[in-house]
Every structure is written in C-alpha cells, then in structure tokens.
Amino acid sequence: MDRSKWAYKRSKEDIEKILFHVNDQFSLLRKLGKMQKKVTIKAVEHFLFKQIPKIYYIGCGTSLNAALTGAEISERLLTIPAEAMNSFEFMSFVSTSSFVKGSAVIAISHSGESKVTTKGVLKAKERDCYIIALTAYPSSTLANTAHVVFPTGAADEKVGPKTKGHTACLVTLYGLLFDLARRKHDLSDSGAGKLEREMARIPSELKMFIDSNSEKIKDVGRRFREIKHIIVVSTRLNMGVAKETALKIIETCNISAQAEEMEEMLHGPLYMVNRTTGVILFASEEDEINKAVDVANSAAYLGACVAFIGCGVETNFQDVQVPLIMLSLDVDGLFTPLCNTLIVQQLISHIALERIVCGSGNA
C-alpha cells in the first residue's frame, strides 16, 4: 500500500486553492434553488402519495456530517422520524429487525462512488425503500442506483477538503426539506414558505458579514497558529457542523481535533484543556448560551485559546471573556448550521495560512 499521501503536508498554494473554493460558494448558493426545483417536485410527490415511516440519512466523512445536520433539520420541519448513520453501520443495520421497512433513504456522496454507501442503498432498495441521492456527479454509480438524484453543483472541487461541496450539500438538503414541509403541511406565506424566503437573502448578507469581519477572523486565525489540539463544541443542531469543523481542521491545518457535545465537554474533555489547546464553540439557540458562556470562560481560565461563534441569537454576550465572532443576522435558528459552516471555513483557512507563513507545523 502506498502510504506517501498520509505524509503529505499542504503548501500555501494548496490553502489558497481551498480558500478560493470557500469564497466561491456564495455564487453557487444563489444558483442551487433554481437548478433543483424540478427534482424536488418529483421527490415531494413520492412523499405525499406514500406514507414514509422514517428517513435515514447516510454517508461517510464530510457526507456523514451533512447527514447529521439534515436529520436534525428534518425532525424539526417534518412529522417524520429521522436518523443519520455512517454508511458502514447502515449497511449492517438495514438487515436487522430494527430497520423500518419502506423508509426513505437520503444517501450523500460528493463523488457518488462511495462503495459502502452504494451497497447500503442497494440493500435498502431490497426492503422497499425510496432512495434519494445527493452528489456532485449525476451520472455516478450512486446516482444510477437512486430513484431521484439531486446534483449539488460542486463538481469542480475535485481535490482537497470538500468545503464548497459540503455547503452545496447543506443547501440542497434545506431546499428539499423546505419544499417537503410546505407541501406536506400546506404552508405558503408562513412556516416553510417564510423560511425559503429567508434563505434566499442569506448568501448576500452572509458575504457582507464575512467581508466586514475579515480582519477579526484573521486575528483569531493568528491566535490559533501555535495550537496543538482543537476541541470543537456544540449542541445537537450544530453537531454536524462541529464534526465537520474538526475534520476540516485535521485535513487543512494538520492539527489534531475532536468534536464534543456541550454537556459532554463539561464531563471530561474540559479537564484536558491547557495552553496548547484551542476551543471553538458554536452556540446558536437561546437555551444554549449560558452553558456555552460557562464552557468558553472555563476553557480560557485553563489557558486555552477560545473562539466563540454565535449566530442567530440576540443574547447579550458581555459575559464572554474570549474572542467572539458574532453573526448579527436576524435569521431563524434552523439556518445556523449553514451560517456557522461558512464562517468557520474562513477561520480554518486562515489558521492554515498562518501556520504555513510562520512555519508552525507546516499545515
């Protein structure tokens, strides 16, 4: 086996290419809605005419992290139970008595060539499941196995960490779930209809926010350049974002990283925090803030470098004693995974650039 790729360390040019894809996402987000409308209608019609008992979201790596976010949003918008599962686990689970026959399976793979995801889908079809594929390649093996395919429009991101591909996948999931909720619950000017209109304005407003806060984001990147280990902390809605952030830190910055749920952070990982540790916290819902502020201040007290990313909340953050990247957009809490993803991708890219420029670990 050729193990040379595992010793690869990214150059400045590599990171600049990644940052290009991160910045190129905003134009892509504006196109996706129109591109996928006809596909959405086909999927929605199936959900309306057949009682779907459960939705399984499956994928590996970055695709699994998108699946986790999709399942959370799905349960909040629809009256259908949802579960996200690693494709390896799903392939075994689908044959058990616990699997709900006749469910919908939303299978996610950027390349569409994930063998284990495709095998899981084939087994699910044997149990009368309706298969929806999300992939950048609509002629891929996974796409040809599914009943309906949603192209994510990010096929140009062929190498390196999938930043644009991940964001495109999230937007695709939002579009599908909003349309499902609107048709299923007969929502128009309220509910999912209102959420769709909110989403249409997010790309431009989010781009303005990131541009106006670029120096602040770069400053936090400089603070993290000497860090040896990063813990990313969140709660359920943004847990997929936390896991994706940890994965991208490993892939892009050559720093070890892990994701922890907020409550779990207080029951163990907090005790290993020191001056070589970085902590990134996501807090986006009102009931999360007090606990998140305690975690942030405790980690800072123990010597950690801490960045607090808040989005979609109006709580007073005067008690936070750490660098704060606060997104002051008045958006529904459901959009926080998308907004947090775009902000933290910028931060990760700048951490990587700082480490290369200063020779701190050769990201």
Protein backbone atom coordinates (compact mmCIF):
# COMPACT_ATOMS: atom_id res chain seq x y z
CA MET A 1 0.00 0.00 0.00
CA ASP A 2 1.28 3.47 -0.91
CA ARG A 3 1.26 5.44 2.34
CA SER A 4 3.03 8.53 0.96
CA LYS A 5 -0.24 10.50 0.76
CA TRP A 6 -0.66 10.29 4.54
CA ALA A 7 2.65 12.14 5.00
CA TYR A 8 1.53 14.96 2.69
CA LYS A 9 1.51 18.46 4.14
CA ARG A 10 -0.29 21.31 2.42
CA SER A 11 1.54 24.20 0.80
CA LYS A 12 0.48 27.83 0.78
CA GLU A 13 -0.80 27.32 -2.78
CA ASP A 14 -2.96 24.39 -1.58
CA ILE A 15 -4.55 26.51 1.14
CA GLU A 16 -5.14 29.40 -1.26
CA LYS A 17 -6.99 27.00 -3.59
CA ILE A 18 -9.13 25.84 -0.67
CA LEU A 19 -9.84 29.47 0.28
CA PHE A 20 -10.83 30.14 -3.34
CA HIS A 21 -13.48 27.40 -3.13
CA VAL A 22 -14.63 28.74 0.25
CA ASN A 23 -15.11 32.23 -1.23
CA ASP A 24 -16.63 30.89 -4.44
CA GLN A 25 -19.55 29.34 -2.56
CA PHE A 26 -21.76 32.39 -2.46
CA SER A 27 -22.40 32.45 -6.22
CA LEU A 28 -23.08 28.71 -6.13
CA LEU A 29 -25.66 29.09 -3.35
CA ARG A 30 -27.71 31.51 -5.46
CA LYS A 31 -27.92 29.03 -8.36
CA LEU A 32 -28.85 25.87 -6.49
CA GLY A 33 -32.51 26.65 -5.79
CA LYS A 34 -33.47 27.06 -9.46
CA MET A 35 -31.33 24.13 -10.57
CA GLN A 36 -33.05 21.63 -8.28
CA LYS A 37 -36.70 22.70 -8.36
CA LYS A 38 -37.90 20.02 -10.82
CA VAL A 39 -36.08 17.27 -8.93
CA THR A 40 -37.61 18.46 -5.65
CA ILE A 41 -41.13 18.22 -7.09
CA LYS A 42 -40.57 14.57 -8.07
CA ALA A 43 -39.31 13.68 -4.58
CA VAL A 44 -42.08 15.63 -2.85
CA GLU A 45 -44.78 13.86 -4.88
CA HIS A 46 -43.50 10.49 -3.66
CA PHE A 47 -43.56 11.63 -0.03
CA LEU A 48 -47.10 12.95 -0.42
CA PHE A 49 -48.57 9.87 -2.08
CA LYS A 50 -46.83 7.28 0.07
CA GLN A 51 -46.69 7.28 3.84
CA ILE A 52 -42.96 7.38 4.66
CA PRO A 53 -42.46 5.99 8.20
CA LYS A 54 -38.86 7.17 8.65
CA ILE A 55 -35.98 8.95 6.88
CA TYR A 56 -32.43 7.59 7.09
CA TYR A 57 -29.57 9.92 6.17
CA ILE A 58 -26.35 8.08 5.31
CA GLY A 59 -22.81 9.00 4.26
CA CYS A 60 -19.14 8.82 5.24
CA GLY A 61 -16.80 11.59 6.42
CA THR A 62 -17.94 15.01 5.21
CA SER A 63 -21.10 13.44 3.77
CA LEU A 64 -21.97 11.94 7.16
CA ASN A 65 -21.58 15.37 8.78
CA ALA A 66 -24.03 16.82 6.26
CA ALA A 67 -26.35 13.88 7.02
CA LEU A 68 -26.27 14.71 10.75
CA THR A 69 -27.37 18.27 10.01
CA GLY A 70 -30.01 17.07 7.57
CA ALA A 71 -31.54 14.71 10.13
CA GLU A 72 -31.75 17.46 12.75
CA ILE A 73 -33.44 19.92 10.39
CA SER A 74 -35.68 17.16 9.07
CA GLU A 75 -37.07 16.31 12.51
CA ARG A 76 -37.78 19.99 13.22
CA LEU A 77 -39.59 20.60 9.91
CA LEU A 78 -41.40 17.33 9.24
CA THR A 79 -43.52 15.00 11.32
CA ILE A 80 -41.37 12.06 10.20
CA PRO A 81 -38.71 10.46 12.46
CA ALA A 82 -35.17 10.87 11.09
CA GLU A 83 -31.81 9.31 11.85
CA ALA A 84 -28.28 9.90 10.50
CA MET A 85 -25.97 6.94 10.21
CA ASN A 86 -22.49 6.11 8.94
CA SER A 87 -22.79 4.11 5.71
CA PHE A 88 -20.75 1.22 7.18
CA GLU A 89 -23.10 0.99 10.15
CA PHE A 90 -26.16 1.37 7.92
CA MET A 91 -25.10 -1.49 5.64
CA SER A 92 -25.29 -3.89 8.60
CA PHE A 93 -28.29 -2.22 10.26
CA VAL A 94 -30.53 -2.38 7.18
CA SER A 95 -30.76 -6.18 7.51
CA THR A 96 -31.87 -6.13 11.15
CA SER A 97 -35.39 -6.23 12.58
CA SER A 98 -34.91 -2.67 13.94
CA PHE A 99 -34.75 -1.22 10.43
CA VAL A 100 -38.03 0.38 9.34
CA LYS A 101 -39.06 -1.16 6.03
CA GLY A 102 -40.44 1.21 3.38
CA SER A 103 -38.50 4.21 4.67
CA ALA A 104 -36.80 6.92 2.64
CA VAL A 105 -33.00 6.86 2.45
CA ILE A 106 -31.15 10.07 1.63
CA ALA A 107 -27.69 8.90 0.55
CA ILE A 108 -24.92 11.53 0.34
CA SER A 109 -21.62 11.18 -1.54
CA HIS A 110 -19.70 14.01 -3.23
CA SER A 111 -18.20 11.69 -5.86
CA GLY A 112 -21.18 9.35 -5.98
CA GLU A 113 -18.67 6.49 -5.98
CA SER A 114 -18.61 5.57 -2.29
CA LYS A 115 -18.84 1.78 -2.48
CA VAL A 116 -20.19 1.29 1.04
CA THR A 117 -22.89 3.96 0.57
CA THR A 118 -23.98 2.38 -2.72
CA LYS A 119 -24.06 -1.10 -1.14
CA GLY A 120 -26.20 0.23 1.71
CA VAL A 121 -28.59 1.79 -0.80
CA LEU A 122 -28.92 -1.47 -2.74
CA LYS A 123 -29.77 -3.34 0.46
CA ALA A 124 -32.32 -0.64 1.37
CA LYS A 125 -33.99 -0.98 -2.03
CA GLU A 126 -34.50 -4.68 -1.28
CA ARG A 127 -36.53 -3.52 1.73
CA ASP A 128 -38.81 -1.28 -0.33
CA CYS A 129 -37.05 1.99 0.49
CA TYR A 130 -37.26 5.15 -1.60
CA ILE A 131 -33.73 6.36 -2.41
CA ILE A 132 -32.70 9.99 -2.83
CA ALA A 133 -29.06 10.62 -3.83
CA LEU A 134 -27.17 13.86 -3.23
CA THR A 135 -23.99 14.01 -5.30
CA ALA A 136 -21.90 16.38 -7.40
CA TYR A 137 -21.89 13.80 -10.21
CA PRO A 138 -25.41 12.95 -11.51
CA SER A 139 -24.06 10.13 -13.72
CA SER A 140 -22.23 8.38 -10.88
CA THR A 141 -22.84 4.86 -9.58
CA LEU A 142 -24.84 6.11 -6.59
CA ALA A 143 -26.96 8.36 -8.82
CA ASN A 144 -27.78 5.46 -11.13
CA THR A 145 -28.89 3.41 -8.12
CA ALA A 146 -31.28 6.04 -6.70
CA HIS A 147 -34.91 6.80 -7.54
CA VAL A 148 -34.18 10.51 -7.73
CA VAL A 149 -30.91 12.47 -7.83
CA PHE A 150 -30.12 15.96 -6.52
CA PRO A 151 -26.97 17.34 -8.21
CA THR A 152 -25.16 19.61 -5.73
CA GLY A 153 -23.38 21.63 -8.42
CA ALA A 154 -19.91 21.44 -6.84
CA ALA A 155 -18.20 19.04 -9.23
CA ASP A 156 -15.28 21.45 -9.85
CA GLU A 157 -13.97 20.79 -6.32
CA LYS A 158 -12.09 17.67 -7.37
CA VAL A 159 -9.26 17.53 -4.82
CA GLY A 160 -8.64 18.54 -1.24
CA PRO A 161 -11.11 19.02 1.60
CA LYS A 162 -14.69 19.36 0.33
CA THR A 163 -15.65 22.84 1.54
CA LYS A 164 -17.86 24.03 -1.31
CA GLY A 165 -19.18 20.51 -1.79
CA HIS A 166 -20.27 20.32 1.85
CA THR A 167 -22.01 23.70 1.74
CA ALA A 168 -23.76 22.83 -1.53
CA CYS A 169 -24.98 19.61 0.06
CA LEU A 170 -26.43 21.52 3.04
CA VAL A 171 -28.25 23.97 0.77
CA THR A 172 -29.64 21.08 -1.27
CA LEU A 173 -30.98 19.46 1.90
CA TYR A 174 -32.55 22.73 3.03
CA GLY A 175 -34.30 23.15 -0.32
CA LEU A 176 -35.68 19.61 -0.30
CA LEU A 177 -36.87 19.76 3.31
CA PHE A 178 -38.47 23.21 2.99
CA ASP A 179 -40.40 22.09 -0.08
CA LEU A 180 -41.45 18.88 1.65
CA ALA A 181 -42.64 20.78 4.72
CA ARG A 182 -44.54 23.36 2.68
CA ARG A 183 -46.38 20.76 0.58
CA LYS A 184 -46.90 18.25 3.39
CA HIS A 185 -48.28 20.79 5.85
CA ASP A 186 -49.82 23.09 3.21
CA LEU A 187 -47.62 26.02 4.21
CA SER A 188 -47.35 29.08 2.00
CA ASP A 189 -46.75 32.53 3.48
CA SER A 190 -45.87 31.13 6.86
CA GLY A 191 -43.73 28.26 8.10
CA ALA A 192 -41.56 26.71 5.39
CA GLY A 193 -42.56 29.35 2.84
CA LYS A 194 -41.17 32.07 5.09
CA LEU A 195 -38.02 30.04 5.71
CA GLU A 196 -37.40 29.71 1.96
CA ARG A 197 -37.59 33.48 1.54
CA GLU A 198 -35.18 33.94 4.44
CA MET A 199 -32.75 31.53 2.87
CA ALA A 200 -32.79 33.43 -0.41
CA ARG A 201 -31.32 36.51 1.28
CA ILE A 202 -28.71 34.70 3.41
CA PRO A 203 -25.88 34.36 0.81
CA SER A 204 -25.54 38.10 0.14
CA GLU A 205 -25.95 39.14 3.79
CA LEU A 206 -23.55 36.46 4.98
CA LYS A 207 -20.97 37.52 2.36
CA MET A 208 -21.24 41.12 3.62
CA PHE A 209 -20.77 39.96 7.21
CA ILE A 210 -17.67 37.89 6.40
CA ASP A 211 -16.15 40.73 4.36
CA SER A 212 -16.73 43.25 7.14
CA ASN A 213 -15.31 40.89 9.78
CA SER A 214 -12.38 39.53 7.76
CA GLU A 215 -9.72 41.15 9.97
CA LYS A 216 -11.38 39.76 13.09
CA ILE A 217 -11.45 36.26 11.60
CA LYS A 218 -7.78 36.58 10.55
CA ASP A 219 -6.86 37.73 14.06
CA VAL A 220 -8.46 34.63 15.58
CA GLY A 221 -6.54 32.57 12.98
CA ARG A 222 -3.28 34.10 14.23
CA ARG A 223 -4.18 33.22 17.83
CA PHE A 224 -4.67 29.56 16.85
CA ARG A 225 -1.50 29.07 14.79
CA GLU A 226 0.60 27.56 17.61
CA ILE A 227 -2.17 25.33 18.95
CA LYS A 228 -1.50 21.56 19.12
CA HIS A 229 -5.06 20.27 19.59
CA ILE A 230 -8.52 21.78 18.98
CA ILE A 231 -11.83 20.79 20.58
CA VAL A 232 -14.96 21.88 18.70
CA VAL A 233 -18.02 22.16 20.95
CA SER A 234 -21.71 22.42 20.05
CA THR A 235 -25.20 21.08 20.75
CA ARG A 236 -27.47 18.90 18.61
CA LEU A 237 -28.50 21.25 15.78
CA ASN A 238 -24.90 22.23 15.05
CA MET A 239 -23.26 18.90 15.97
CA GLY A 240 -22.78 18.03 12.30
CA VAL A 241 -21.06 21.40 11.86
CA ALA A 242 -18.81 20.70 14.87
CA LYS A 243 -17.77 17.31 13.47
CA GLU A 244 -17.17 18.79 10.03
CA THR A 245 -15.10 21.59 11.57
CA ALA A 246 -12.91 19.06 13.41
CA LEU A 247 -12.47 17.05 10.22
CA LYS A 248 -11.53 20.14 8.17
CA ILE A 249 -9.02 21.27 10.84
CA ILE A 250 -7.31 17.87 10.55
CA GLU A 251 -7.39 17.89 6.73
CA THR A 252 -6.42 21.53 6.23
CA CYS A 253 -4.31 22.62 9.22
CA ASN A 254 -2.53 19.39 10.18
CA ILE A 255 -3.76 19.85 13.77
CA SER A 256 -5.43 17.05 15.74
CA ALA A 257 -9.06 17.87 16.53
CA GLN A 258 -12.20 16.39 18.03
CA ALA A 259 -15.87 17.36 18.29
CA GLU A 260 -17.78 17.24 21.58
CA GLU A 261 -21.38 17.89 22.59
CA MET A 262 -21.65 20.81 25.04
CA GLU A 263 -22.71 18.70 28.01
CA GLU A 264 -20.07 16.05 27.29
CA MET A 265 -17.40 18.76 27.20
CA LEU A 266 -18.19 19.55 30.84
CA HIS A 267 -17.89 15.88 31.86
CA GLY A 268 -14.34 15.10 30.81
CA PRO A 269 -12.68 16.83 27.84
CA LEU A 270 -12.60 20.19 29.66
CA TYR A 271 -10.12 18.70 32.14
CA MET A 272 -7.50 18.11 29.41
CA VAL A 273 -7.55 21.74 28.24
CA ASN A 274 -4.33 23.74 28.63
CA ARG A 275 -2.24 26.41 26.88
CA THR A 276 -1.63 24.17 23.87
CA THR A 277 -5.38 23.64 23.34
CA GLY A 278 -7.80 25.56 21.16
CA VAL A 279 -11.57 25.50 21.73
CA ILE A 280 -14.14 26.57 19.11
CA LEU A 281 -17.70 26.86 20.40
CA PHE A 282 -20.94 27.09 18.43
CA ALA A 283 -23.97 28.45 20.27
CA SER A 284 -26.97 29.45 18.23
CA GLU A 285 -30.11 28.93 20.30
CA GLU A 286 -31.21 30.86 23.37
CA ASP A 287 -31.16 27.89 25.74
CA GLU A 288 -27.54 27.10 24.79
CA ILE A 289 -25.98 30.45 25.57
CA ASN A 290 -25.46 30.34 29.35
CA LYS A 291 -23.87 26.89 29.25
CA ALA A 292 -21.72 27.87 26.26
CA VAL A 293 -20.51 31.02 28.02
CA ASP A 294 -19.51 28.89 31.06
CA VAL A 295 -17.58 26.45 28.85
CA ALA A 296 -15.85 29.29 26.98
CA ASN A 297 -14.78 31.14 30.11
CA SER A 298 -13.70 27.91 31.90
CA ALA A 299 -11.53 26.87 28.94
CA ALA A 300 -9.99 30.35 28.76
CA TYR A 301 -9.27 30.25 32.51
CA LEU A 302 -7.38 26.97 31.99
CA GLY A 303 -5.20 28.68 29.37
CA ALA A 304 -6.91 27.58 26.14
CA CYS A 305 -7.27 29.79 23.09
CA VAL A 306 -11.04 30.07 22.61
CA ALA A 307 -13.19 31.31 19.73
CA PHE A 308 -16.94 31.70 20.27
CA ILE A 309 -19.10 31.67 17.13
CA GLY A 310 -22.66 32.78 17.79
CA CYS A 311 -25.33 33.03 15.12
CA GLY A 312 -29.00 33.93 15.08
CA VAL A 313 -29.26 34.94 18.73
CA GLU A 314 -29.83 38.29 20.39
CA THR A 315 -28.47 37.40 23.82
CA ASN A 316 -26.08 39.87 25.45
CA PHE A 317 -22.59 38.38 25.21
CA GLN A 318 -20.95 40.79 27.63
CA ASP A 319 -20.01 37.88 29.95
CA VAL A 320 -17.87 36.21 27.27
CA GLN A 321 -14.20 36.84 28.01
CA VAL A 322 -12.83 35.31 24.81
CA PRO A 323 -12.61 36.27 21.09
CA LEU A 324 -16.17 36.43 19.80
CA ILE A 325 -17.24 36.08 16.18
CA MET A 326 -20.86 37.09 16.45
CA LEU A 327 -23.09 36.88 13.39
CA SER A 328 -25.63 39.66 13.83
CA LEU A 329 -28.07 38.40 11.19
CA ASP A 330 -31.70 38.10 12.25
CA VAL A 331 -32.19 34.55 10.92
CA ASP A 332 -34.24 31.59 12.04
CA GLY A 333 -32.29 29.15 14.20
CA LEU A 334 -32.63 26.46 11.51
CA PHE A 335 -30.14 28.38 9.35
CA THR A 336 -27.37 28.43 11.93
CA PRO A 337 -25.64 25.26 10.62
CA LEU A 338 -25.27 26.84 7.18
CA CYS A 339 -24.10 30.22 8.51
CA ASN A 340 -21.71 28.69 11.04
CA THR A 341 -20.25 26.43 8.35
CA LEU A 342 -19.37 29.35 6.07
CA ILE A 343 -17.83 31.38 8.89
CA VAL A 344 -15.72 28.55 10.31
CA GLN A 345 -14.45 27.56 6.84
CA GLN A 346 -12.94 31.05 6.59
CA LEU A 347 -11.41 30.70 10.05
CA ILE A 348 -9.87 27.28 9.31
CA SER A 349 -8.32 28.54 6.06
CA HIS A 350 -6.70 31.46 7.87
CA ILE A 351 -5.37 29.21 10.66
CA ALA A 352 -3.75 27.05 7.97
CA LEU A 353 -2.24 30.05 6.18
CA GLU A 354 -0.84 31.43 9.44
CA ARG A 355 0.79 28.10 10.27
CA ILE A 356 2.46 27.94 6.85
CA VAL A 357 3.66 31.56 6.87
CA CYS A 358 5.06 31.23 10.40
CA GLY A 359 6.34 27.65 9.98
CA SER A 360 4.13 26.36 12.84
CA GLY A 361 3.52 22.76 11.86
CA ASN A 362 3.53 23.11 8.05
CA ALA A 363 -0.23 22.84 7.55
